[in-house]
Amino acid sequence: MNQHRKTSAPERIQLVRDGFTMPADDYALIAELKHRLHDVKREAKKSELLRAGLHALAQLDAPALAAALDRLTPVKTGRPPKNG
């Protein structure tokens, strides 16, 4: 056995870049959540908040998840039209 083996570096997480459209009111919730974190001296990036939301949704059973999705206002998919 080789006792002088280097410890391996932590495994890198594969990242995926994506873009999506959401209503302005939902987007404003991101700023509201970030503001709420100031009281506990914790900053958060948009991606952290979205990831935390996904993890919270993952804890729901299928009926609760469906109910949460049913509470959303439907939006058209795709990019919004360019103005001008």
N, C-alpha and C. Protein backbone atom coordinates (compact mmCIF):
# COMPACT_ATOMS: atom_id res chain seq x y z
N MET A 1 0.83 -1.19 0.00
CA MET A 1 0.00 0.00 0.00
C MET A 1 0.86 1.25 0.00
N ASN A 2 0.43 2.21 -0.74
CA ASN A 2 1.17 3.46 -0.85
C ASN A 2 0.58 4.47 0.13
N GLN A 3 1.29 4.78 1.20
CA GLN A 3 0.79 5.70 2.21
C GLN A 3 1.08 7.15 1.86
N HIS A 4 1.82 7.40 0.82
CA HIS A 4 2.18 8.76 0.42
C HIS A 4 1.30 9.26 -0.72
N ARG A 5 0.15 8.62 -0.89
CA ARG A 5 -0.76 9.01 -1.96
C ARG A 5 -1.38 10.36 -1.65
N LYS A 6 -1.47 11.22 -2.66
CA LYS A 6 -2.11 12.52 -2.48
C LYS A 6 -3.61 12.33 -2.34
N THR A 7 -4.20 13.18 -1.53
CA THR A 7 -5.66 13.12 -1.43
C THR A 7 -6.24 13.71 -2.70
N SER A 8 -7.30 13.12 -3.17
CA SER A 8 -7.88 13.60 -4.41
C SER A 8 -8.68 14.88 -4.17
N ALA A 9 -8.71 15.73 -5.16
CA ALA A 9 -9.47 16.98 -5.09
C ALA A 9 -10.95 16.66 -5.07
N PRO A 10 -11.74 17.52 -4.44
CA PRO A 10 -13.18 17.27 -4.44
C PRO A 10 -13.73 17.20 -5.86
N GLU A 11 -14.69 16.34 -6.06
CA GLU A 11 -15.28 16.17 -7.38
C GLU A 11 -16.00 17.44 -7.79
N ARG A 12 -15.77 17.87 -9.01
CA ARG A 12 -16.43 19.09 -9.51
C ARG A 12 -17.88 18.79 -9.87
N ILE A 13 -18.73 19.75 -9.53
CA ILE A 13 -20.14 19.65 -9.87
C ILE A 13 -20.32 20.15 -11.30
N GLN A 14 -21.03 19.38 -12.10
CA GLN A 14 -21.29 19.81 -13.47
C GLN A 14 -22.35 20.89 -13.44
N LEU A 15 -22.06 22.03 -14.06
CA LEU A 15 -22.99 23.15 -14.10
C LEU A 15 -23.67 23.23 -15.46
N VAL A 16 -24.91 23.68 -15.45
CA VAL A 16 -25.67 23.86 -16.68
C VAL A 16 -26.19 25.28 -16.70
N ARG A 17 -25.97 25.98 -17.79
CA ARG A 17 -26.46 27.35 -17.93
C ARG A 17 -27.79 27.30 -18.65
N ASP A 18 -28.76 28.08 -18.16
CA ASP A 18 -30.10 28.07 -18.75
C ASP A 18 -30.69 29.46 -18.64
N GLY A 19 -31.72 29.71 -19.41
CA GLY A 19 -32.45 30.97 -19.35
C GLY A 19 -33.93 30.69 -19.41
N PHE A 20 -34.71 31.55 -18.77
CA PHE A 20 -36.15 31.34 -18.76
C PHE A 20 -36.84 32.67 -18.52
N THR A 21 -38.14 32.69 -18.71
CA THR A 21 -38.96 33.88 -18.54
C THR A 21 -39.88 33.66 -17.36
N MET A 22 -40.07 34.73 -16.57
CA MET A 22 -41.01 34.66 -15.45
C MET A 22 -41.72 36.00 -15.32
N PRO A 23 -42.91 36.00 -14.72
CA PRO A 23 -43.61 37.26 -14.52
C PRO A 23 -42.80 38.21 -13.63
N ALA A 24 -42.98 39.50 -13.85
CA ALA A 24 -42.24 40.52 -13.09
C ALA A 24 -42.50 40.38 -11.59
N ASP A 25 -43.72 40.04 -11.20
CA ASP A 25 -44.03 39.88 -9.77
C ASP A 25 -43.22 38.74 -9.15
N ASP A 26 -43.06 37.64 -9.87
CA ASP A 26 -42.26 36.53 -9.37
C ASP A 26 -40.79 36.93 -9.30
N TYR A 27 -40.32 37.68 -10.30
CA TYR A 27 -38.94 38.14 -10.30
C TYR A 27 -38.69 39.07 -9.12
N ALA A 28 -39.70 39.88 -8.79
CA ALA A 28 -39.58 40.79 -7.65
C ALA A 28 -39.46 40.01 -6.33
N LEU A 29 -40.01 38.81 -6.29
CA LEU A 29 -39.88 37.98 -5.09
C LEU A 29 -38.42 37.65 -4.79
N ILE A 30 -37.62 37.56 -5.83
CA ILE A 30 -36.19 37.29 -5.62
C ILE A 30 -35.58 38.43 -4.81
N ALA A 31 -35.87 39.68 -5.22
CA ALA A 31 -35.34 40.83 -4.49
C ALA A 31 -35.88 40.87 -3.06
N GLU A 32 -37.16 40.52 -2.89
CA GLU A 32 -37.76 40.50 -1.56
C GLU A 32 -37.08 39.46 -0.66
N LEU A 33 -36.84 38.28 -1.20
CA LEU A 33 -36.17 37.24 -0.42
C LEU A 33 -34.74 37.64 -0.07
N LYS A 34 -34.04 38.26 -1.02
CA LYS A 34 -32.69 38.72 -0.75
C LYS A 34 -32.70 39.76 0.37
N HIS A 35 -33.69 40.66 0.34
CA HIS A 35 -33.81 41.69 1.35
C HIS A 35 -34.07 41.08 2.74
N ARG A 36 -34.91 40.05 2.79
CA ARG A 36 -35.22 39.39 4.06
C ARG A 36 -33.98 38.77 4.68
N LEU A 37 -33.04 38.37 3.86
CA LEU A 37 -31.82 37.76 4.36
C LEU A 37 -30.87 38.76 5.02
N HIS A 38 -31.06 40.06 4.76
CA HIS A 38 -30.19 41.07 5.36
C HIS A 38 -30.25 41.01 6.88
N ASP A 39 -31.45 40.73 7.44
CA ASP A 39 -31.60 40.68 8.90
C ASP A 39 -30.75 39.60 9.54
N VAL A 40 -30.48 38.54 8.81
CA VAL A 40 -29.65 37.45 9.35
C VAL A 40 -28.24 37.48 8.76
N LYS A 41 -27.93 38.61 8.13
CA LYS A 41 -26.59 38.84 7.57
C LYS A 41 -26.15 37.72 6.62
N ARG A 42 -27.06 37.36 5.74
CA ARG A 42 -26.77 36.31 4.74
C ARG A 42 -27.12 36.85 3.37
N GLU A 43 -26.16 36.88 2.50
CA GLU A 43 -26.42 37.27 1.12
C GLU A 43 -26.74 36.03 0.31
N ALA A 44 -27.49 36.21 -0.77
CA ALA A 44 -27.82 35.09 -1.64
C ALA A 44 -27.85 35.56 -3.08
N LYS A 45 -27.42 34.70 -3.95
CA LYS A 45 -27.51 34.96 -5.39
C LYS A 45 -28.86 34.43 -5.87
N LYS A 46 -29.30 34.96 -7.01
CA LYS A 46 -30.56 34.47 -7.59
C LYS A 46 -30.53 32.96 -7.75
N SER A 47 -29.43 32.45 -8.24
CA SER A 47 -29.36 31.01 -8.48
C SER A 47 -29.48 30.22 -7.19
N GLU A 48 -28.94 30.76 -6.08
CA GLU A 48 -29.07 30.06 -4.80
C GLU A 48 -30.54 30.00 -4.36
N LEU A 49 -31.25 31.11 -4.53
CA LEU A 49 -32.66 31.14 -4.15
C LEU A 49 -33.47 30.17 -5.00
N LEU A 50 -33.20 30.15 -6.29
CA LEU A 50 -33.93 29.24 -7.17
C LEU A 50 -33.60 27.78 -6.83
N ARG A 51 -32.35 27.50 -6.55
CA ARG A 51 -31.96 26.13 -6.18
C ARG A 51 -32.60 25.72 -4.86
N ALA A 52 -32.63 26.64 -3.88
CA ALA A 52 -33.26 26.34 -2.60
C ALA A 52 -34.75 26.06 -2.80
N GLY A 53 -35.39 26.82 -3.68
CA GLY A 53 -36.79 26.59 -3.99
C GLY A 53 -37.02 25.22 -4.61
N LEU A 54 -36.14 24.82 -5.50
CA LEU A 54 -36.24 23.50 -6.11
C LEU A 54 -36.10 22.40 -5.07
N HIS A 55 -35.16 22.57 -4.16
CA HIS A 55 -34.96 21.56 -3.11
C HIS A 55 -36.17 21.51 -2.18
N ALA A 56 -36.78 22.67 -1.90
CA ALA A 56 -37.99 22.69 -1.06
C ALA A 56 -39.14 21.98 -1.78
N LEU A 57 -39.30 22.24 -3.09
CA LEU A 57 -40.35 21.57 -3.86
C LEU A 57 -40.12 20.07 -3.93
N ALA A 58 -38.87 19.66 -3.99
CA ALA A 58 -38.56 18.23 -4.08
C ALA A 58 -39.02 17.47 -2.84
N GLN A 59 -39.19 18.17 -1.73
CA GLN A 59 -39.63 17.53 -0.49
C GLN A 59 -41.13 17.28 -0.46
N LEU A 60 -41.89 17.89 -1.39
CA LEU A 60 -43.34 17.74 -1.42
C LEU A 60 -43.73 16.43 -2.08
N ASP A 61 -44.86 15.87 -1.67
CA ASP A 61 -45.38 14.71 -2.39
C ASP A 61 -46.04 15.23 -3.68
N ALA A 62 -46.39 14.32 -4.57
CA ALA A 62 -46.89 14.70 -5.89
C ALA A 62 -48.15 15.58 -5.82
N PRO A 63 -49.16 15.28 -4.98
CA PRO A 63 -50.32 16.16 -4.91
C PRO A 63 -49.99 17.57 -4.42
N ALA A 64 -49.10 17.69 -3.43
CA ALA A 64 -48.72 19.01 -2.93
C ALA A 64 -47.92 19.77 -3.98
N LEU A 65 -47.07 19.08 -4.71
CA LEU A 65 -46.31 19.71 -5.78
C LEU A 65 -47.26 20.20 -6.87
N ALA A 66 -48.23 19.37 -7.26
CA ALA A 66 -49.21 19.78 -8.26
C ALA A 66 -50.00 20.99 -7.79
N ALA A 67 -50.38 21.01 -6.51
CA ALA A 67 -51.13 22.14 -5.96
C ALA A 67 -50.29 23.42 -6.01
N ALA A 68 -49.00 23.32 -5.69
CA ALA A 68 -48.12 24.49 -5.75
C ALA A 68 -48.02 25.02 -7.18
N LEU A 69 -47.92 24.13 -8.14
CA LEU A 69 -47.85 24.55 -9.54
C LEU A 69 -49.17 25.14 -10.01
N ASP A 70 -50.28 24.60 -9.50
CA ASP A 70 -51.60 25.12 -9.88
C ASP A 70 -51.83 26.53 -9.37
N ARG A 71 -51.12 26.95 -8.33
CA ARG A 71 -51.26 28.31 -7.79
C ARG A 71 -50.52 29.35 -8.63
N LEU A 72 -49.67 28.91 -9.54
CA LEU A 72 -48.94 29.84 -10.39
C LEU A 72 -49.82 30.39 -11.51
N THR A 73 -49.57 31.63 -11.88
CA THR A 73 -50.22 32.20 -13.04
C THR A 73 -49.52 31.66 -14.28
N PRO A 74 -50.27 31.07 -15.22
CA PRO A 74 -49.63 30.55 -16.44
C PRO A 74 -48.96 31.67 -17.24
N VAL A 75 -47.82 31.36 -17.83
CA VAL A 75 -47.11 32.30 -18.69
C VAL A 75 -46.82 31.64 -20.02
N LYS A 76 -46.71 32.46 -21.06
CA LYS A 76 -46.31 31.94 -22.36
C LYS A 76 -44.85 31.55 -22.30
N THR A 77 -44.50 30.47 -22.94
CA THR A 77 -43.10 30.07 -22.96
C THR A 77 -42.38 30.80 -24.10
N GLY A 78 -41.10 30.83 -24.04
CA GLY A 78 -40.30 31.48 -25.07
C GLY A 78 -39.85 32.86 -24.64
N ARG A 79 -39.11 33.49 -25.52
CA ARG A 79 -38.58 34.81 -25.23
C ARG A 79 -39.65 35.88 -25.44
N PRO A 80 -39.64 36.92 -24.57
CA PRO A 80 -40.58 38.02 -24.80
C PRO A 80 -40.18 38.78 -26.06
N PRO A 81 -41.16 39.44 -26.73
CA PRO A 81 -40.82 40.18 -27.95
C PRO A 81 -39.89 41.36 -27.64
N LYS A 82 -39.01 41.66 -28.60
CA LYS A 82 -38.11 42.80 -28.45
C LYS A 82 -38.90 44.07 -28.71
N ASN A 83 -38.65 45.08 -27.88
CA ASN A 83 -39.31 46.38 -28.06
C ASN A 83 -38.41 47.26 -28.91
N GLY A 84 -38.95 47.73 -30.03
CA GLY A 84 -38.18 48.67 -30.84
C GLY A 84 -37.73 48.15 -32.12
